Amino acid sequence: MAGPEILDDVYRVILDRIERRPEGSYVASLVSEEGDKDPLNRICEKVVEEAAELILAAKDGDRDAIVWEAADLIFHVLVLLGYTGVEPGEVWNELERRRR
């Protein structure tokens, strides 16, 4: 089973996609300046959408959907962190501070 290091690995890939914006990349499409929405608004809307889908999956008691939607939510939160320049380590440090 994958451990927490997968989050850092995914974050690094997200940063690469934000910087290079390769054609066909989902992350590159989220942060694109093209279209009718500001990239930050587009990313924030995805976070809200994925959070709602996770809540619905939980209310339905669908374990597989909970796992799927939680992964989607975490992924989009990592995109938001990357786009805003926040390192995941800053979040981990805040969680550690709260644990104390």
N, C-alpha and C. Protein backbone atom coordinates (compact mmCIF):
# COMPACT_ATOMS: atom_id res chain seq x y z
N MET A 1 0.84 -1.19 0.00
CA MET A 1 0.00 0.00 0.00
C MET A 1 0.89 1.24 0.00
N ALA A 2 0.50 2.20 -0.80
CA ALA A 2 1.26 3.45 -0.90
C ALA A 2 1.18 4.23 0.40
N GLY A 3 2.23 4.93 0.70
CA GLY A 3 2.27 5.75 1.90
C GLY A 3 2.16 7.22 1.57
N PRO A 4 2.34 8.05 2.58
CA PRO A 4 2.19 9.51 2.40
C PRO A 4 3.16 10.10 1.37
N GLU A 5 4.26 9.41 1.10
CA GLU A 5 5.21 9.96 0.12
C GLU A 5 4.59 10.11 -1.27
N ILE A 6 3.53 9.38 -1.55
CA ILE A 6 2.86 9.51 -2.84
C ILE A 6 2.34 10.93 -3.03
N LEU A 7 1.94 11.58 -1.93
CA LEU A 7 1.44 12.95 -2.03
C LEU A 7 2.53 13.90 -2.53
N ASP A 8 3.74 13.72 -2.02
CA ASP A 8 4.85 14.56 -2.47
C ASP A 8 5.21 14.25 -3.92
N ASP A 9 5.15 12.98 -4.30
CA ASP A 9 5.43 12.61 -5.69
C ASP A 9 4.40 13.22 -6.64
N VAL A 10 3.14 13.10 -6.30
CA VAL A 10 2.08 13.67 -7.14
C VAL A 10 2.23 15.19 -7.20
N TYR A 11 2.55 15.81 -6.08
CA TYR A 11 2.73 17.26 -6.06
C TYR A 11 3.84 17.69 -7.02
N ARG A 12 4.94 16.96 -7.03
CA ARG A 12 6.05 17.29 -7.93
C ARG A 12 5.61 17.19 -9.40
N VAL A 13 4.83 16.17 -9.72
CA VAL A 13 4.32 16.03 -11.09
C VAL A 13 3.40 17.21 -11.42
N ILE A 14 2.55 17.58 -10.47
CA ILE A 14 1.64 18.73 -10.66
C ILE A 14 2.45 19.99 -10.94
N LEU A 15 3.49 20.24 -10.15
CA LEU A 15 4.32 21.43 -10.38
C LEU A 15 4.94 21.41 -11.77
N ASP A 16 5.39 20.24 -12.20
CA ASP A 16 5.96 20.11 -13.53
C ASP A 16 4.92 20.46 -14.60
N ARG A 17 3.70 19.95 -14.43
CA ARG A 17 2.64 20.23 -15.41
C ARG A 17 2.25 21.71 -15.42
N ILE A 18 2.26 22.33 -14.24
CA ILE A 18 1.96 23.76 -14.16
C ILE A 18 3.04 24.56 -14.89
N GLU A 19 4.28 24.17 -14.69
CA GLU A 19 5.39 24.92 -15.30
C GLU A 19 5.49 24.67 -16.80
N ARG A 20 5.45 23.41 -17.22
CA ARG A 20 5.67 23.09 -18.64
C ARG A 20 4.40 23.16 -19.48
N ARG A 21 3.25 22.92 -18.86
CA ARG A 21 1.95 22.92 -19.53
C ARG A 21 1.93 22.08 -20.82
N PRO A 22 2.27 20.79 -20.68
CA PRO A 22 2.29 19.95 -21.87
C PRO A 22 0.89 19.77 -22.45
N GLU A 23 0.84 19.66 -23.76
CA GLU A 23 -0.43 19.45 -24.45
C GLU A 23 -1.06 18.14 -23.97
N GLY A 24 -2.35 18.18 -23.72
CA GLY A 24 -3.08 17.00 -23.27
C GLY A 24 -3.06 16.78 -21.77
N SER A 25 -2.34 17.62 -21.04
CA SER A 25 -2.27 17.49 -19.58
C SER A 25 -3.52 18.08 -18.93
N TYR A 26 -4.14 17.29 -18.06
CA TYR A 26 -5.32 17.78 -17.33
C TYR A 26 -4.94 18.98 -16.46
N VAL A 27 -3.83 18.88 -15.75
CA VAL A 27 -3.41 19.99 -14.88
C VAL A 27 -3.15 21.24 -15.72
N ALA A 28 -2.49 21.08 -16.86
CA ALA A 28 -2.23 22.23 -17.72
C ALA A 28 -3.54 22.88 -18.17
N SER A 29 -4.56 22.06 -18.42
CA SER A 29 -5.85 22.64 -18.83
C SER A 29 -6.50 23.40 -17.67
N LEU A 30 -6.32 22.92 -16.45
CA LEU A 30 -6.88 23.63 -15.29
C LEU A 30 -6.24 25.00 -15.09
N VAL A 31 -4.94 25.09 -15.32
CA VAL A 31 -4.23 26.34 -15.05
C VAL A 31 -4.10 27.23 -16.29
N SER A 32 -4.74 26.81 -17.36
CA SER A 32 -4.69 27.57 -18.61
C SER A 32 -5.37 28.93 -18.44
N GLU A 33 -4.78 29.93 -19.08
CA GLU A 33 -5.36 31.27 -19.07
C GLU A 33 -6.49 31.38 -20.08
N GLU A 34 -6.63 30.38 -20.93
CA GLU A 34 -7.66 30.41 -21.97
C GLU A 34 -9.02 30.05 -21.37
N GLY A 35 -10.06 30.48 -22.04
CA GLY A 35 -11.40 30.16 -21.58
C GLY A 35 -12.02 31.31 -20.82
N ASP A 36 -13.19 31.03 -20.27
CA ASP A 36 -13.97 32.09 -19.64
C ASP A 36 -13.70 32.24 -18.15
N LYS A 37 -12.86 31.38 -17.58
CA LYS A 37 -12.63 31.43 -16.13
C LYS A 37 -11.16 31.67 -15.82
N ASP A 38 -10.96 32.39 -14.74
CA ASP A 38 -9.63 32.54 -14.18
C ASP A 38 -9.16 31.17 -13.70
N PRO A 39 -7.88 30.82 -13.91
CA PRO A 39 -7.41 29.50 -13.48
C PRO A 39 -7.66 29.20 -12.00
N LEU A 40 -7.45 30.18 -11.14
CA LEU A 40 -7.68 29.94 -9.71
C LEU A 40 -9.15 29.62 -9.44
N ASN A 41 -10.05 30.34 -10.09
CA ASN A 41 -11.47 30.05 -9.93
C ASN A 41 -11.80 28.64 -10.42
N ARG A 42 -11.22 28.26 -11.56
CA ARG A 42 -11.45 26.93 -12.11
C ARG A 42 -10.98 25.85 -11.12
N ILE A 43 -9.80 26.04 -10.56
CA ILE A 43 -9.26 25.07 -9.60
C ILE A 43 -10.13 25.03 -8.35
N CYS A 44 -10.50 26.19 -7.83
CA CYS A 44 -11.34 26.23 -6.62
C CYS A 44 -12.68 25.54 -6.85
N GLU A 45 -13.26 25.75 -8.02
CA GLU A 45 -14.53 25.09 -8.33
C GLU A 45 -14.37 23.58 -8.35
N LYS A 46 -13.23 23.09 -8.84
CA LYS A 46 -12.99 21.64 -8.84
C LYS A 46 -12.85 21.11 -7.42
N VAL A 47 -12.20 21.87 -6.55
CA VAL A 47 -12.07 21.43 -5.15
C VAL A 47 -13.46 21.32 -4.52
N VAL A 48 -14.29 22.32 -4.74
CA VAL A 48 -15.65 22.30 -4.19
C VAL A 48 -16.43 21.12 -4.77
N GLU A 49 -16.34 20.92 -6.07
CA GLU A 49 -17.05 19.83 -6.74
C GLU A 49 -16.63 18.47 -6.17
N GLU A 50 -15.32 18.28 -6.02
CA GLU A 50 -14.84 16.99 -5.53
C GLU A 50 -15.21 16.79 -4.06
N ALA A 51 -15.21 17.86 -3.27
CA ALA A 51 -15.63 17.75 -1.87
C ALA A 51 -17.10 17.33 -1.79
N ALA A 52 -17.93 17.92 -2.63
CA ALA A 52 -19.35 17.57 -2.65
C ALA A 52 -19.55 16.11 -3.06
N GLU A 53 -18.79 15.67 -4.06
CA GLU A 53 -18.91 14.27 -4.51
C GLU A 53 -18.46 13.31 -3.42
N LEU A 54 -17.45 13.68 -2.66
CA LEU A 54 -17.01 12.84 -1.54
C LEU A 54 -18.09 12.76 -0.47
N ILE A 55 -18.70 13.86 -0.17
CA ILE A 55 -19.78 13.88 0.83
C ILE A 55 -20.93 12.99 0.38
N LEU A 56 -21.31 13.08 -0.87
CA LEU A 56 -22.41 12.26 -1.38
C LEU A 56 -22.05 10.77 -1.34
N ALA A 57 -20.83 10.44 -1.68
CA ALA A 57 -20.39 9.05 -1.62
C ALA A 57 -20.46 8.53 -0.19
N ALA A 58 -20.04 9.37 0.75
CA ALA A 58 -20.09 8.97 2.17
C ALA A 58 -21.53 8.77 2.63
N LYS A 59 -22.39 9.69 2.24
CA LYS A 59 -23.80 9.57 2.63
C LYS A 59 -24.45 8.32 2.03
N ASP A 60 -23.98 7.91 0.85
CA ASP A 60 -24.49 6.70 0.21
C ASP A 60 -23.87 5.43 0.80
N GLY A 61 -22.82 5.61 1.60
CA GLY A 61 -22.15 4.45 2.19
C GLY A 61 -21.39 3.62 1.17
N ASP A 62 -20.98 4.25 0.08
CA ASP A 62 -20.30 3.56 -1.01
C ASP A 62 -18.79 3.66 -0.80
N ARG A 63 -18.20 2.63 -0.21
CA ARG A 63 -16.78 2.64 0.16
C ARG A 63 -15.88 2.90 -1.04
N ASP A 64 -16.12 2.22 -2.16
CA ASP A 64 -15.28 2.41 -3.35
C ASP A 64 -15.37 3.85 -3.85
N ALA A 65 -16.58 4.40 -3.85
CA ALA A 65 -16.75 5.79 -4.30
C ALA A 65 -16.09 6.76 -3.33
N ILE A 66 -16.12 6.45 -2.04
CA ILE A 66 -15.45 7.31 -1.05
C ILE A 66 -13.96 7.36 -1.35
N VAL A 67 -13.36 6.20 -1.59
CA VAL A 67 -11.92 6.16 -1.91
C VAL A 67 -11.64 6.95 -3.18
N TRP A 68 -12.44 6.72 -4.22
CA TRP A 68 -12.26 7.40 -5.50
C TRP A 68 -12.38 8.92 -5.34
N GLU A 69 -13.44 9.36 -4.68
CA GLU A 69 -13.68 10.80 -4.54
C GLU A 69 -12.68 11.45 -3.59
N ALA A 70 -12.24 10.74 -2.57
CA ALA A 70 -11.21 11.29 -1.67
C ALA A 70 -9.92 11.51 -2.44
N ALA A 71 -9.57 10.57 -3.30
CA ALA A 71 -8.37 10.73 -4.14
C ALA A 71 -8.52 11.93 -5.06
N ASP A 72 -9.71 12.08 -5.66
CA ASP A 72 -9.95 13.25 -6.52
C ASP A 72 -9.81 14.55 -5.74
N LEU A 73 -10.38 14.58 -4.54
CA LEU A 73 -10.31 15.80 -3.72
C LEU A 73 -8.87 16.11 -3.34
N ILE A 74 -8.15 15.12 -2.88
CA ILE A 74 -6.75 15.34 -2.48
C ILE A 74 -5.93 15.81 -3.68
N PHE A 75 -6.15 15.19 -4.84
CA PHE A 75 -5.43 15.61 -6.04
C PHE A 75 -5.69 17.08 -6.35
N HIS A 76 -6.94 17.48 -6.32
CA HIS A 76 -7.27 18.87 -6.66
C HIS A 76 -6.78 19.84 -5.59
N VAL A 77 -6.75 19.43 -4.34
CA VAL A 77 -6.14 20.27 -3.29
C VAL A 77 -4.65 20.45 -3.58
N LEU A 78 -3.99 19.38 -4.02
CA LEU A 78 -2.57 19.50 -4.37
C LEU A 78 -2.37 20.44 -5.56
N VAL A 79 -3.28 20.41 -6.53
CA VAL A 79 -3.21 21.36 -7.64
C VAL A 79 -3.36 22.78 -7.11
N LEU A 80 -4.31 22.99 -6.22
CA LEU A 80 -4.51 24.32 -5.62
C LEU A 80 -3.26 24.77 -4.88
N LEU A 81 -2.67 23.88 -4.10
CA LEU A 81 -1.44 24.23 -3.38
C LEU A 81 -0.34 24.61 -4.37
N GLY A 82 -0.17 23.79 -5.39
CA GLY A 82 0.88 24.06 -6.37
C GLY A 82 0.67 25.37 -7.09
N TYR A 83 -0.55 25.64 -7.48
CA TYR A 83 -0.85 26.87 -8.22
C TYR A 83 -0.62 28.11 -7.36
N THR A 84 -0.90 27.99 -6.06
CA THR A 84 -0.74 29.14 -5.16
C THR A 84 0.65 29.20 -4.51
N GLY A 85 1.51 28.23 -4.84
CA GLY A 85 2.87 28.25 -4.33
C GLY A 85 3.04 27.78 -2.91
N VAL A 86 2.07 27.02 -2.42
CA VAL A 86 2.16 26.47 -1.07
C VAL A 86 2.71 25.05 -1.15
N GLU A 87 3.75 24.77 -0.42
CA GLU A 87 4.35 23.44 -0.37
C GLU A 87 3.54 22.53 0.54
N PRO A 88 3.35 21.28 0.18
CA PRO A 88 2.64 20.36 1.07
C PRO A 88 3.28 20.29 2.46
N GLY A 89 4.58 20.43 2.52
CA GLY A 89 5.26 20.40 3.81
C GLY A 89 4.75 21.46 4.78
N GLU A 90 4.30 22.58 4.25
CA GLU A 90 3.73 23.62 5.10
C GLU A 90 2.44 23.13 5.74
N VAL A 91 1.66 22.36 4.98
CA VAL A 91 0.43 21.79 5.52
C VAL A 91 0.77 20.72 6.54
N TRP A 92 1.74 19.85 6.22
CA TRP A 92 2.13 18.80 7.16
C TRP A 92 2.62 19.44 8.46
N ASN A 93 3.39 20.53 8.36
CA ASN A 93 3.87 21.21 9.58
C ASN A 93 2.72 21.77 10.39
N GLU A 94 1.71 22.31 9.72
CA GLU A 94 0.54 22.82 10.44
C GLU A 94 -0.21 21.68 11.13
N LEU A 95 -0.33 20.55 10.47
CA LEU A 95 -0.99 19.40 11.10
C LEU A 95 -0.19 18.93 12.32
N GLU A 96 1.13 18.92 12.18
CA GLU A 96 1.99 18.54 13.31
C GLU A 96 1.80 19.52 14.48
N ARG A 97 1.74 20.82 14.16
CA ARG A 97 1.54 21.82 15.20
C ARG A 97 0.21 21.58 15.92
N ARG A 98 -0.83 21.25 15.16
CA ARG A 98 -2.14 21.00 15.76
C ARG A 98 -2.17 19.74 16.60
N ARG A 99 -1.37 18.78 16.23
CA ARG A 99 -1.32 17.52 16.97
C ARG A 99 -0.79 17.73 18.38
N ARG A 100 0.11 18.68 18.51
CA ARG A 100 0.68 18.98 19.82
C ARG A 100 -0.35 19.66 20.66
